[in-house]
Amino acid sequence: MSGGGPTARRSAEPEADAPCVVPGCGLPSVRHLARVEAAKAFPNLPEQGRRAPLCREHYREWKKATREDRALERLGR
C-alpha cells in the first residue's frame, strides 16, 4: 500500500538543506521558521515562500532577539 495519502510517512533520508535565507549568508540551514517569526529578528528577508530556513548562527540570533516576546507569549497562555 504505497501512495501519497495522509498515512504516507516521510522518507528516512533528509531533504537537501536549503541555504540560509538571511541576505549575504548562504550557509546550510538547520532550522526552518515561519517567515513572519524570522522577520521579527531579520526585517530585510526576501519575500518568498512561507518558511525561512536559517543557519545555526542566525537561528541563535533569532532566539536571542525574540527571547522576551516568546517568554511573554508562554505566560499569556
PDB file of N, CA and C in Angstrom:
ATOM      1  N   MET A   1       0.839  -1.166   0.000  1.00  0.00           N
ATOM      2  CA  MET A   1       0.000   0.000   0.000  1.00  0.00           C
ATOM      3  C   MET A   1       0.884   1.228   0.000  1.00  0.00           C
ATOM      4  N   SER A   2       1.380   1.587  -1.126  1.00  0.00           N
ATOM      5  CA  SER A   2       2.203   2.795  -1.204  1.00  0.00           C
ATOM      6  C   SER A   2       1.457   3.834  -2.009  1.00  0.00           C
ATOM      7  N   GLY A   3       1.363   4.973  -1.450  1.00  0.00           N
ATOM      8  CA  GLY A   3       0.673   6.077  -2.097  1.00  0.00           C
ATOM      9  C   GLY A   3       1.118   7.358  -1.439  1.00  0.00           C
ATOM     10  N   GLY A   4       0.538   8.406  -1.792  1.00  0.00           N
ATOM     11  CA  GLY A   4       0.893   9.683  -1.201  1.00  0.00           C
ATOM     12  C   GLY A   4      -0.183  10.191  -0.265  1.00  0.00           C
ATOM     13  N   GLY A   5      -0.990   9.255   0.251  1.00  0.00           N
ATOM     14  CA  GLY A   5      -2.121   9.630   1.089  1.00  0.00           C
ATOM     15  C   GLY A   5      -1.711  10.169   2.445  1.00  0.00           C
ATOM     16  N   PRO A   6      -2.697  10.439   3.267  1.00  0.00           N
ATOM     17  CA  PRO A   6      -2.427  11.053   4.572  1.00  0.00           C
ATOM     18  C   PRO A   6      -1.641  10.154   5.516  1.00  0.00           C
ATOM     19  N   THR A   7      -1.623   8.847   5.268  1.00  0.00           N
ATOM     20  CA  THR A   7      -0.873   7.962   6.156  1.00  0.00           C
ATOM     21  C   THR A   7       0.529   7.682   5.647  1.00  0.00           C
ATOM     22  N   ALA A   8       0.892   8.250   4.498  1.00  0.00           N
ATOM     23  CA  ALA A   8       2.236   8.044   3.963  1.00  0.00           C
ATOM     24  C   ALA A   8       3.258   8.694   4.885  1.00  0.00           C
ATOM     25  N   ARG A   9       4.348   8.014   5.124  1.00  0.00           N
ATOM     26  CA  ARG A   9       5.394   8.541   6.006  1.00  0.00           C
ATOM     27  C   ARG A   9       6.481   9.217   5.188  1.00  0.00           C
ATOM     28  N   ARG A  10       7.179  10.105   5.854  1.00  0.00           N
ATOM     29  CA  ARG A  10       8.318  10.745   5.196  1.00  0.00           C
ATOM     30  C   ARG A  10       9.443   9.731   5.060  1.00  0.00           C
ATOM     31  N   SER A  11      10.255   9.914   4.054  1.00  0.00           N
ATOM     32  CA  SER A  11      11.385   9.009   3.894  1.00  0.00           C
ATOM     33  C   SER A  11      12.414   9.275   4.985  1.00  0.00           C
ATOM     34  N   ALA A  12      13.216   8.286   5.288  1.00  0.00           N
ATOM     35  CA  ALA A  12      14.212   8.405   6.344  1.00  0.00           C
ATOM     36  C   ALA A  12      15.378   9.300   5.922  1.00  0.00           C
ATOM     37  N   GLU A  13      15.531   9.493   4.628  1.00  0.00           N
ATOM     38  CA  GLU A  13      16.625  10.327   4.148  1.00  0.00           C
ATOM     39  C   GLU A  13      16.243  11.795   4.263  1.00  0.00           C
ATOM     40  N   PRO A  14      17.117  12.631   4.844  1.00  0.00           N
ATOM     41  CA  PRO A  14      16.793  14.057   4.959  1.00  0.00           C
ATOM     42  C   PRO A  14      16.825  14.721   3.589  1.00  0.00           C
ATOM     43  N   GLU A  15      15.992  15.739   3.453  1.00  0.00           N
ATOM     44  CA  GLU A  15      15.995  16.506   2.210  1.00  0.00           C
ATOM     45  C   GLU A  15      17.276  17.322   2.125  1.00  0.00           C
ATOM     46  N   ALA A  16      17.612  17.735   0.926  1.00  0.00           N
ATOM     47  CA  ALA A  16      18.777  18.599   0.760  1.00  0.00           C
ATOM     48  C   ALA A  16      18.502  19.912   1.488  1.00  0.00           C
ATOM     49  N   ASP A  17      19.425  20.328   2.336  1.00  0.00           N
ATOM     50  CA  ASP A  17      19.222  21.548   3.104  1.00  0.00           C
ATOM     51  C   ASP A  17      19.251  22.766   2.199  1.00  0.00           C
ATOM     52  N   ALA A  18      18.295  23.634   2.447  1.00  0.00           N
ATOM     53  CA  ALA A  18      18.251  24.899   1.729  1.00  0.00           C
ATOM     54  C   ALA A  18      19.260  25.839   2.385  1.00  0.00           C
ATOM     55  N   PRO A  19      19.810  26.772   1.651  1.00  0.00           N
ATOM     56  CA  PRO A  19      20.732  27.721   2.265  1.00  0.00           C
ATOM     57  C   PRO A  19      19.989  28.704   3.158  1.00  0.00           C
ATOM     58  N   CYS A  20      20.689  29.290   4.084  1.00  0.00           N
ATOM     59  CA  CYS A  20      20.126  30.290   4.989  1.00  0.00           C
ATOM     60  C   CYS A  20      19.563  31.448   4.166  1.00  0.00           C
ATOM     61  N   VAL A  21      18.386  31.932   4.567  1.00  0.00           N
ATOM     62  CA  VAL A  21      17.685  32.951   3.793  1.00  0.00           C
ATOM     63  C   VAL A  21      18.158  34.371   4.111  1.00  0.00           C
ATOM     64  N   VAL A  22      18.946  34.555   5.154  1.00  0.00           N
ATOM     65  CA  VAL A  22      19.430  35.886   5.520  1.00  0.00           C
ATOM     66  C   VAL A  22      20.382  36.374   4.418  1.00  0.00           C
ATOM     67  N   PRO A  23      20.148  37.559   3.884  1.00  0.00           N
ATOM     68  CA  PRO A  23      20.988  38.069   2.795  1.00  0.00           C
ATOM     69  C   PRO A  23      22.474  38.088   3.167  1.00  0.00           C
ATOM     70  N   GLY A  24      23.288  37.532   2.282  1.00  0.00           N
ATOM     71  CA  GLY A  24      24.728  37.524   2.471  1.00  0.00           C
ATOM     72  C   GLY A  24      25.255  36.331   3.241  1.00  0.00           C
ATOM     73  N   CYS A  25      24.395  35.396   3.660  1.00  0.00           N
ATOM     74  CA  CYS A  25      24.853  34.268   4.464  1.00  0.00           C
ATOM     75  C   CYS A  25      25.107  33.052   3.574  1.00  0.00           C
ATOM     76  N   GLY A  26      24.078  32.317   3.217  1.00  0.00           N
ATOM     77  CA  GLY A  26      24.222  31.177   2.317  1.00  0.00           C
ATOM     78  C   GLY A  26      24.704  29.888   2.958  1.00  0.00           C
ATOM     79  N   LEU A  27      24.899  29.836   4.283  1.00  0.00           N
ATOM     80  CA  LEU A  27      25.299  28.590   4.945  1.00  0.00           C
ATOM     81  C   LEU A  27      24.129  27.611   4.939  1.00  0.00           C
ATOM     82  N   PRO A  28      24.400  26.313   5.098  1.00  0.00           N
ATOM     83  CA  PRO A  28      23.297  25.339   5.133  1.00  0.00           C
ATOM     84  C   PRO A  28      22.383  25.591   6.329  1.00  0.00           C
ATOM     85  N   SER A  29      21.088  25.405   6.126  1.00  0.00           N
ATOM     86  CA  SER A  29      20.126  25.667   7.193  1.00  0.00           C
ATOM     87  C   SER A  29      20.047  24.488   8.152  1.00  0.00           C
ATOM     88  N   VAL A  30      19.714  24.802   9.400  1.00  0.00           N
ATOM     89  CA  VAL A  30      19.496  23.775  10.414  1.00  0.00           C
ATOM     90  C   VAL A  30      18.081  23.851  10.970  1.00  0.00           C
ATOM     91  N   ARG A  31      17.416  24.987  10.819  1.00  0.00           N
ATOM     92  CA  ARG A  31      16.046  25.179  11.293  1.00  0.00           C
ATOM     93  C   ARG A  31      15.252  25.944  10.255  1.00  0.00           C
ATOM     94  N   HIS A  32      13.964  25.676  10.211  1.00  0.00           N
ATOM     95  CA  HIS A  32      13.055  26.412   9.340  1.00  0.00           C
ATOM     96  C   HIS A  32      11.990  27.041  10.221  1.00  0.00           C
ATOM     97  N   LEU A  33      11.849  28.339  10.143  1.00  0.00           N
ATOM     98  CA  LEU A  33      10.840  29.067  10.909  1.00  0.00           C
ATOM     99  C   LEU A  33       9.807  29.645   9.969  1.00  0.00           C
ATOM    100  N   ALA A  34       8.675  30.004  10.529  1.00  0.00           N
ATOM    101  CA  ALA A  34       7.697  30.756   9.746  1.00  0.00           C
ATOM    102  C   ALA A  34       8.346  32.086   9.371  1.00  0.00           C
ATOM    103  N   ARG A  35       8.131  32.520   8.162  1.00  0.00           N
ATOM    104  CA  ARG A  35       8.767  33.755   7.690  1.00  0.00           C
ATOM    105  C   ARG A  35       8.382  34.951   8.571  1.00  0.00           C
ATOM    106  N   VAL A  36       7.160  34.965   9.071  1.00  0.00           N
ATOM    107  CA  VAL A  36       6.709  36.054   9.939  1.00  0.00           C
ATOM    108  C   VAL A  36       7.544  36.083  11.227  1.00  0.00           C
ATOM    109  N   GLU A  37       7.822  34.908  11.783  1.00  0.00           N
ATOM    110  CA  GLU A  37       8.628  34.835  13.003  1.00  0.00           C
ATOM    111  C   GLU A  37      10.068  35.271  12.734  1.00  0.00           C
ATOM    112  N   ALA A  38      10.645  34.807  11.639  1.00  0.00           N
ATOM    113  CA  ALA A  38      12.018  35.164  11.308  1.00  0.00           C
ATOM    114  C   ALA A  38      12.152  36.654  11.031  1.00  0.00           C
ATOM    115  N   ALA A  39      11.111  37.267  10.483  1.00  0.00           N
ATOM    116  CA  ALA A  39      11.158  38.695  10.154  1.00  0.00           C
ATOM    117  C   ALA A  39      11.190  39.569  11.396  1.00  0.00           C
ATOM    118  N   LYS A  40      10.817  39.029  12.554  1.00  0.00           N
ATOM    119  CA  LYS A  40      10.887  39.796  13.796  1.00  0.00           C
ATOM    120  C   LYS A  40      12.329  40.141  14.137  1.00  0.00           C
ATOM    121  N   ALA A  41      13.259  39.260  13.803  1.00  0.00           N
ATOM    122  CA  ALA A  41      14.672  39.499  14.083  1.00  0.00           C
ATOM    123  C   ALA A  41      15.432  39.974  12.846  1.00  0.00           C
ATOM    124  N   PHE A  42      14.950  39.599  11.663  1.00  0.00           N
ATOM    125  CA  PHE A  42      15.625  39.949  10.410  1.00  0.00           C
ATOM    126  C   PHE A  42      14.614  40.613   9.471  1.00  0.00           C
ATOM    127  N   PRO A  43      14.390  41.910   9.606  1.00  0.00           N
ATOM    128  CA  PRO A  43      13.350  42.578   8.818  1.00  0.00           C
ATOM    129  C   PRO A  43      13.637  42.665   7.317  1.00  0.00           C
ATOM    130  N   ASN A  44      14.864  42.421   6.894  1.00  0.00           N
ATOM    131  CA  ASN A  44      15.198  42.565   5.470  1.00  0.00           C
ATOM    132  C   ASN A  44      15.209  41.222   4.731  1.00  0.00           C
ATOM    133  N   LEU A  45      14.393  40.260   5.169  1.00  0.00           N
ATOM    134  CA  LEU A  45      14.317  38.972   4.487  1.00  0.00           C
ATOM    135  C   LEU A  45      13.597  39.122   3.157  1.00  0.00           C
ATOM    136  N   PRO A  46      14.004  38.345   2.155  1.00  0.00           N
ATOM    137  CA  PRO A  46      13.286  38.380   0.881  1.00  0.00           C
ATOM    138  C   PRO A  46      11.890  37.798   1.051  1.00  0.00           C
ATOM    139  N   GLU A  47      10.927  38.335   0.333  1.00  0.00           N
ATOM    140  CA  GLU A  47       9.533  37.898   0.424  1.00  0.00           C
ATOM    141  C   GLU A  47       9.286  36.733  -0.532  1.00  0.00           C
ATOM    142  N   GLN A  48       9.603  35.535  -0.090  1.00  0.00           N
ATOM    143  CA  GLN A  48       9.332  34.361  -0.918  1.00  0.00           C
ATOM    144  C   GLN A  48       9.033  33.170  -0.020  1.00  0.00           C
ATOM    145  N   GLY A  49       7.944  32.510  -0.269  1.00  0.00           N
ATOM    146  CA  GLY A  49       7.566  31.334   0.494  1.00  0.00           C
ATOM    147  C   GLY A  49       7.053  31.658   1.885  1.00  0.00           C
ATOM    148  N   ARG A  50       6.608  30.608   2.581  1.00  0.00           N
ATOM    149  CA  ARG A  50       6.072  30.774   3.921  1.00  0.00           C
ATOM    150  C   ARG A  50       7.093  30.434   4.995  1.00  0.00           C
ATOM    151  N   ARG A  51       8.107  29.666   4.654  1.00  0.00           N
ATOM    152  CA  ARG A  51       9.101  29.228   5.620  1.00  0.00           C
ATOM    153  C   ARG A  51      10.429  29.931   5.358  1.00  0.00           C
ATOM    154  N   ALA A  52      11.203  30.108   6.433  1.00  0.00           N
ATOM    155  CA  ALA A  52      12.501  30.767   6.316  1.00  0.00           C
ATOM    156  C   ALA A  52      13.577  29.838   6.883  1.00  0.00           C
ATOM    157  N   PRO A  53      14.395  29.226   6.025  1.00  0.00           N
ATOM    158  CA  PRO A  53      15.477  28.384   6.526  1.00  0.00           C
ATOM    159  C   PRO A  53      16.583  29.255   7.117  1.00  0.00           C
ATOM    160  N   LEU A  54      17.057  28.899   8.316  1.00  0.00           N
ATOM    161  CA  LEU A  54      18.119  29.655   8.977  1.00  0.00           C
ATOM    162  C   LEU A  54      19.274  28.738   9.330  1.00  0.00           C
ATOM    163  N   CYS A  55      20.494  29.257   9.204  1.00  0.00           N
ATOM    164  CA  CYS A  55      21.676  28.516   9.628  1.00  0.00           C
ATOM    165  C   CYS A  55      21.743  28.562  11.157  1.00  0.00           C
ATOM    166  N   ARG A  56      22.675  27.851  11.718  1.00  0.00           N
ATOM    167  CA  ARG A  56      22.772  27.767  13.180  1.00  0.00           C
ATOM    168  C   ARG A  56      23.008  29.138  13.807  1.00  0.00           C
ATOM    169  N   GLU A  57      23.903  29.908  13.231  1.00  0.00           N
ATOM    170  CA  GLU A  57      24.237  31.218  13.792  1.00  0.00           C
ATOM    171  C   GLU A  57      23.046  32.171  13.763  1.00  0.00           C
ATOM    172  N   HIS A  58      22.336  32.214  12.635  1.00  0.00           N
ATOM    173  CA  HIS A  58      21.187  33.115  12.544  1.00  0.00           C
ATOM    174  C   HIS A  58      20.007  32.614  13.376  1.00  0.00           C
ATOM    175  N   TYR A  59      19.867  31.304  13.552  1.00  0.00           N
ATOM    176  CA  TYR A  59      18.825  30.782  14.445  1.00  0.00           C
ATOM    177  C   TYR A  59      19.104  31.230  15.883  1.00  0.00           C
ATOM    178  N   ARG A  60      20.366  31.195  16.287  1.00  0.00           N
ATOM    179  CA  ARG A  60      20.734  31.651  17.633  1.00  0.00           C
ATOM    180  C   ARG A  60      20.453  33.145  17.794  1.00  0.00           C
ATOM    181  N   GLU A  61      20.732  33.932  16.756  1.00  0.00           N
ATOM    182  CA  GLU A  61      20.440  35.367  16.804  1.00  0.00           C
ATOM    183  C   GLU A  61      18.934  35.596  16.942  1.00  0.00           C
ATOM    184  N   TRP A  62      18.126  34.809  16.211  1.00  0.00           N
ATOM    185  CA  TRP A  62      16.680  34.928  16.311  1.00  0.00           C
ATOM    186  C   TRP A  62      16.215  34.594  17.731  1.00  0.00           C
ATOM    187  N   LYS A  63      16.783  33.528  18.316  1.00  0.00           N
ATOM    188  CA  LYS A  63      16.400  33.151  19.676  1.00  0.00           C
ATOM    189  C   LYS A  63      16.703  34.268  20.667  1.00  0.00           C
ATOM    190  N   LYS A  64      17.867  34.895  20.533  1.00  0.00           N
ATOM    191  CA  LYS A  64      18.240  35.983  21.439  1.00  0.00           C
ATOM    192  C   LYS A  64      17.352  37.212  21.232  1.00  0.00           C
ATOM    193  N   ALA A  65      17.048  37.522  19.981  1.00  0.00           N
ATOM    194  CA  ALA A  65      16.264  38.721  19.679  1.00  0.00           C
ATOM    195  C   ALA A  65      14.810  38.585  20.114  1.00  0.00           C
ATOM    196  N   THR A  66      14.285  37.374  20.141  1.00  0.00           N
ATOM    197  CA  THR A  66      12.863  37.182  20.456  1.00  0.00           C
ATOM    198  C   THR A  66      12.640  36.530  21.813  1.00  0.00           C
ATOM    199  N   ARG A  67      13.668  36.425  22.622  1.00  0.00           N
ATOM    200  CA  ARG A  67      13.568  35.727  23.911  1.00  0.00           C
ATOM    201  C   ARG A  67      12.443  36.294  24.782  1.00  0.00           C
ATOM    202  N   GLU A  68      12.407  37.604  24.942  1.00  0.00           N
ATOM    203  CA  GLU A  68      11.414  38.215  25.821  1.00  0.00           C
ATOM    204  C   GLU A  68       9.994  38.030  25.269  1.00  0.00           C
ATOM    205  N   ASP A  69       9.819  38.230  23.980  1.00  0.00           N
ATOM    206  CA  ASP A  69       8.493  38.056  23.373  1.00  0.00           C
ATOM    207  C   ASP A  69       7.993  36.624  23.530  1.00  0.00           C
ATOM    208  N   ARG A  70       8.864  35.651  23.326  1.00  0.00           N
ATOM    209  CA  ARG A  70       8.465  34.254  23.460  1.00  0.00           C
ATOM    210  C   ARG A  70       8.119  33.912  24.900  1.00  0.00           C
ATOM    211  N   ALA A  71       8.858  34.471  25.864  1.00  0.00           N
ATOM    212  CA  ALA A  71       8.564  34.227  27.278  1.00  0.00           C
ATOM    213  C   ALA A  71       7.215  34.828  27.656  1.00  0.00           C
ATOM    214  N   LEU A  72       6.925  36.030  27.190  1.00  0.00           N
ATOM    215  CA  LEU A  72       5.636  36.663  27.485  1.00  0.00           C
ATOM    216  C   LEU A  72       4.478  35.893  26.846  1.00  0.00           C
ATOM    217  N   GLU A  73       4.714  35.364  25.656  1.00  0.00           N
ATOM    218  CA  GLU A  73       3.679  34.581  24.987  1.00  0.00           C
ATOM    219  C   GLU A  73       3.375  33.296  25.767  1.00  0.00           C
ATOM    220  N   ARG A  74       4.402  32.657  26.289  1.00  0.00           N
ATOM    221  CA  ARG A  74       4.188  31.446  27.092  1.00  0.00           C
ATOM    222  C   ARG A  74       3.417  31.763  28.370  1.00  0.00           C
ATOM    223  N   LEU A  75       3.676  32.898  28.994  1.00  0.00           N
ATOM    224  CA  LEU A  75       2.978  33.286  30.222  1.00  0.00           C
ATOM    225  C   LEU A  75       1.518  33.620  29.966  1.00  0.00           C
ATOM    226  N   GLY A  76       1.221  34.104  28.785  1.00  0.00           N
ATOM    227  CA  GLY A  76      -0.129  34.531  28.452  1.00  0.00           C
ATOM    228  C   GLY A  76      -1.081  33.394  28.131  1.00  0.00           C
ATOM    229  N   ARG A  77      -0.605  32.187  28.051  1.00  0.00           N
ATOM    230  CA  ARG A  77      -1.484  31.061  27.684  1.00  0.00           C
ATOM    231  C   ARG A  77      -2.334  30.605  28.812  1.00  0.00           C
TER     232      ARG A  77
END
